[in-house]
Amino acid sequence: MLYLTRKVGESVVVNDNIEITVVEVRGRTIKLGFTFPPNVTVLRRELYDKIQAENRAAAATDAGILAGRNSRNDNG
């Protein structure tokens, strides 16, 4: 993990096309501003983790359904 120190108004650039700017620091809260191309997706970590868990659950359900269909087809 890379750790950087930035002040309000300072930025970092990622992959030449994503800029992250420190907009405000208030106590233990930092407000960040992001500039990025329209084809880039940015999610809060907790939302990203929830989506990934739901995708894994859906894939497991789909695999179970397909396995059930295949076993019926083999016996029919």
N, C-alpha and C. Protein backbone atom coordinates (compact mmCIF):
# COMPACT_ATOMS: atom_id res chain seq x y z
N MET A 1 0.85 -1.17 0.00
CA MET A 1 0.00 0.00 0.00
C MET A 1 0.89 1.24 0.00
N LEU A 2 0.54 2.20 -0.79
CA LEU A 2 1.27 3.46 -0.88
C LEU A 2 0.62 4.47 0.06
N TYR A 3 1.41 5.13 0.88
CA TYR A 3 0.93 6.18 1.76
C TYR A 3 1.50 7.51 1.28
N LEU A 4 0.64 8.50 1.14
CA LEU A 4 1.05 9.83 0.72
C LEU A 4 0.53 10.86 1.69
N THR A 5 1.24 11.95 1.81
CA THR A 5 0.78 13.08 2.59
C THR A 5 0.41 14.19 1.60
N ARG A 6 -0.80 14.68 1.69
CA ARG A 6 -1.29 15.75 0.82
C ARG A 6 -1.99 16.78 1.67
N LYS A 7 -1.94 18.00 1.23
CA LYS A 7 -2.65 19.10 1.89
C LYS A 7 -3.88 19.44 1.06
N VAL A 8 -4.79 20.21 1.64
CA VAL A 8 -5.98 20.65 0.93
C VAL A 8 -5.56 21.35 -0.36
N GLY A 9 -6.19 20.95 -1.45
CA GLY A 9 -5.88 21.52 -2.76
C GLY A 9 -4.84 20.73 -3.53
N GLU A 10 -4.13 19.83 -2.87
CA GLU A 10 -3.10 19.02 -3.54
C GLU A 10 -3.74 17.74 -4.09
N SER A 11 -3.13 17.19 -5.13
CA SER A 11 -3.69 16.04 -5.83
C SER A 11 -2.66 14.95 -6.05
N VAL A 12 -3.15 13.79 -6.43
CA VAL A 12 -2.33 12.71 -6.98
C VAL A 12 -2.99 12.29 -8.29
N VAL A 13 -2.18 11.80 -9.21
CA VAL A 13 -2.68 11.35 -10.50
C VAL A 13 -2.36 9.87 -10.65
N VAL A 14 -3.36 9.09 -11.08
CA VAL A 14 -3.23 7.65 -11.26
C VAL A 14 -3.45 7.33 -12.74
N ASN A 15 -2.55 6.58 -13.33
CA ASN A 15 -2.66 6.14 -14.74
C ASN A 15 -2.90 7.28 -15.72
N ASP A 16 -2.36 8.42 -15.47
CA ASP A 16 -2.44 9.58 -16.37
C ASP A 16 -3.85 10.13 -16.58
N ASN A 17 -4.89 9.49 -16.04
CA ASN A 17 -6.24 9.98 -16.35
C ASN A 17 -7.18 10.01 -15.15
N ILE A 18 -6.68 9.72 -13.97
CA ILE A 18 -7.50 9.80 -12.76
C ILE A 18 -6.79 10.73 -11.79
N GLU A 19 -7.47 11.78 -11.38
CA GLU A 19 -6.90 12.73 -10.43
C GLU A 19 -7.72 12.72 -9.15
N ILE A 20 -7.04 12.61 -8.03
CA ILE A 20 -7.68 12.61 -6.71
C ILE A 20 -7.15 13.83 -5.96
N THR A 21 -8.07 14.70 -5.54
CA THR A 21 -7.70 15.95 -4.90
C THR A 21 -8.26 15.99 -3.48
N VAL A 22 -7.44 16.44 -2.54
CA VAL A 22 -7.92 16.66 -1.18
C VAL A 22 -8.69 17.97 -1.19
N VAL A 23 -9.99 17.89 -0.92
CA VAL A 23 -10.86 19.06 -0.98
C VAL A 23 -10.99 19.71 0.39
N GLU A 24 -11.10 18.88 1.43
CA GLU A 24 -11.34 19.43 2.77
C GLU A 24 -10.89 18.42 3.81
N VAL A 25 -10.34 18.92 4.91
CA VAL A 25 -10.01 18.09 6.07
C VAL A 25 -10.70 18.72 7.26
N ARG A 26 -11.55 17.90 7.93
CA ARG A 26 -12.29 18.40 9.08
C ARG A 26 -12.21 17.33 10.17
N GLY A 27 -11.35 17.56 11.15
CA GLY A 27 -11.16 16.57 12.21
C GLY A 27 -10.57 15.29 11.63
N ARG A 28 -11.29 14.18 11.80
CA ARG A 28 -10.83 12.88 11.28
C ARG A 28 -11.47 12.53 9.94
N THR A 29 -12.15 13.51 9.32
CA THR A 29 -12.82 13.28 8.05
C THR A 29 -12.11 14.03 6.93
N ILE A 30 -11.91 13.34 5.82
CA ILE A 30 -11.27 13.94 4.65
C ILE A 30 -12.25 13.88 3.50
N LYS A 31 -12.43 14.99 2.81
CA LYS A 31 -13.28 15.02 1.62
C LYS A 31 -12.35 15.00 0.41
N LEU A 32 -12.57 14.02 -0.48
CA LEU A 32 -11.77 13.87 -1.68
C LEU A 32 -12.60 14.19 -2.90
N GLY A 33 -11.96 14.76 -3.91
CA GLY A 33 -12.60 14.99 -5.20
C GLY A 33 -11.91 14.13 -6.24
N PHE A 34 -12.70 13.53 -7.13
CA PHE A 34 -12.17 12.63 -8.16
C PHE A 34 -12.50 13.17 -9.54
N THR A 35 -11.51 13.20 -10.40
CA THR A 35 -11.71 13.50 -11.81
C THR A 35 -11.25 12.28 -12.58
N PHE A 36 -12.16 11.69 -13.38
CA PHE A 36 -11.82 10.46 -14.09
C PHE A 36 -12.66 10.33 -15.35
N PRO A 37 -12.22 9.50 -16.29
CA PRO A 37 -12.97 9.32 -17.54
C PRO A 37 -14.32 8.67 -17.27
N PRO A 38 -15.29 8.89 -18.17
CA PRO A 38 -16.63 8.34 -17.96
C PRO A 38 -16.69 6.82 -17.97
N ASN A 39 -15.70 6.14 -18.51
CA ASN A 39 -15.72 4.67 -18.55
C ASN A 39 -15.15 4.04 -17.29
N VAL A 40 -14.73 4.84 -16.32
CA VAL A 40 -14.15 4.33 -15.07
C VAL A 40 -15.24 4.25 -14.01
N THR A 41 -15.25 3.16 -13.25
CA THR A 41 -16.20 2.99 -12.15
C THR A 41 -15.48 3.24 -10.83
N VAL A 42 -16.10 4.03 -9.97
CA VAL A 42 -15.56 4.30 -8.64
C VAL A 42 -16.64 3.96 -7.63
N LEU A 43 -16.32 3.08 -6.69
CA LEU A 43 -17.27 2.67 -5.65
C LEU A 43 -16.62 2.79 -4.28
N ARG A 44 -17.43 3.11 -3.27
CA ARG A 44 -16.94 3.01 -1.89
C ARG A 44 -16.66 1.54 -1.61
N ARG A 45 -15.63 1.25 -0.82
CA ARG A 45 -15.21 -0.12 -0.56
C ARG A 45 -16.34 -0.98 -0.03
N GLU A 46 -17.16 -0.46 0.89
CA GLU A 46 -18.23 -1.28 1.47
C GLU A 46 -19.28 -1.64 0.42
N LEU A 47 -19.54 -0.75 -0.52
CA LEU A 47 -20.47 -1.06 -1.60
C LEU A 47 -19.88 -2.06 -2.58
N TYR A 48 -18.61 -1.88 -2.91
CA TYR A 48 -17.91 -2.83 -3.78
C TYR A 48 -17.93 -4.23 -3.19
N ASP A 49 -17.62 -4.36 -1.90
CA ASP A 49 -17.62 -5.67 -1.23
C ASP A 49 -19.01 -6.30 -1.25
N LYS A 50 -20.05 -5.50 -1.04
CA LYS A 50 -21.43 -6.02 -1.05
C LYS A 50 -21.78 -6.54 -2.45
N ILE A 51 -21.44 -5.79 -3.48
CA ILE A 51 -21.73 -6.22 -4.86
C ILE A 51 -20.99 -7.51 -5.18
N GLN A 52 -19.72 -7.61 -4.77
CA GLN A 52 -18.95 -8.82 -5.02
C GLN A 52 -19.58 -10.03 -4.32
N ALA A 53 -20.02 -9.86 -3.08
CA ALA A 53 -20.66 -10.95 -2.33
C ALA A 53 -21.95 -11.38 -3.01
N GLU A 54 -22.74 -10.41 -3.47
CA GLU A 54 -23.99 -10.74 -4.16
C GLU A 54 -23.72 -11.45 -5.48
N ASN A 55 -22.68 -11.04 -6.20
CA ASN A 55 -22.31 -11.71 -7.45
C ASN A 55 -21.87 -13.15 -7.19
N ARG A 56 -21.09 -13.37 -6.13
CA ARG A 56 -20.67 -14.75 -5.80
C ARG A 56 -21.87 -15.61 -5.43
N ALA A 57 -22.81 -15.05 -4.66
CA ALA A 57 -24.01 -15.80 -4.28
C ALA A 57 -24.85 -16.14 -5.50
N ALA A 58 -24.99 -15.18 -6.42
CA ALA A 58 -25.76 -15.43 -7.63
C ALA A 58 -25.10 -16.49 -8.50
N ALA A 59 -23.78 -16.44 -8.60
CA ALA A 59 -23.05 -17.43 -9.40
C ALA A 59 -23.20 -18.82 -8.79
N ALA A 60 -23.16 -18.91 -7.46
CA ALA A 60 -23.32 -20.20 -6.79
C ALA A 60 -24.73 -20.74 -7.02
N THR A 61 -25.72 -19.87 -6.97
CA THR A 61 -27.11 -20.27 -7.22
C THR A 61 -27.27 -20.76 -8.64
N ASP A 62 -26.71 -20.01 -9.61
CA ASP A 62 -26.78 -20.42 -11.01
C ASP A 62 -26.10 -21.76 -11.23
N ALA A 63 -24.96 -21.98 -10.57
CA ALA A 63 -24.24 -23.24 -10.72
C ALA A 63 -25.08 -24.38 -10.14
N GLY A 64 -25.75 -24.13 -9.03
CA GLY A 64 -26.62 -25.15 -8.43
C GLY A 64 -27.80 -25.49 -9.32
N ILE A 65 -28.37 -24.48 -9.94
CA ILE A 65 -29.51 -24.71 -10.85
C ILE A 65 -29.04 -25.52 -12.05
N LEU A 66 -27.89 -25.14 -12.61
CA LEU A 66 -27.37 -25.86 -13.77
C LEU A 66 -27.02 -27.30 -13.41
N ALA A 67 -26.47 -27.52 -12.23
CA ALA A 67 -26.13 -28.87 -11.82
C ALA A 67 -27.40 -29.71 -11.68
N GLY A 68 -28.45 -29.10 -11.15
CA GLY A 68 -29.72 -29.81 -11.02
C GLY A 68 -30.31 -30.17 -12.37
N ARG A 69 -30.22 -29.27 -13.33
CA ARG A 69 -30.72 -29.55 -14.67
C ARG A 69 -29.91 -30.66 -15.34
N ASN A 70 -28.60 -30.60 -15.17
CA ASN A 70 -27.74 -31.61 -15.80
C ASN A 70 -27.99 -33.00 -15.21
N SER A 71 -28.24 -33.09 -13.91
CA SER A 71 -28.48 -34.41 -13.31
C SER A 71 -29.82 -34.95 -13.77
N ARG A 72 -30.81 -34.11 -13.97
CA ARG A 72 -32.11 -34.56 -14.49
C ARG A 72 -31.98 -35.02 -15.93
N ASN A 73 -31.17 -34.28 -16.72
CA ASN A 73 -31.00 -34.66 -18.12
C ASN A 73 -30.25 -35.97 -18.24
N ASP A 74 -29.33 -36.25 -17.34
CA ASP A 74 -28.57 -37.49 -17.38
C ASP A 74 -29.45 -38.68 -17.01
N ASN A 75 -30.46 -38.46 -16.18
CA ASN A 75 -31.32 -39.55 -15.73
C ASN A 75 -32.53 -39.75 -16.64
N GLY A 76 -32.76 -38.85 -17.57
CA GLY A 76 -33.98 -38.88 -18.35
C GLY A 76 -33.80 -39.58 -19.63
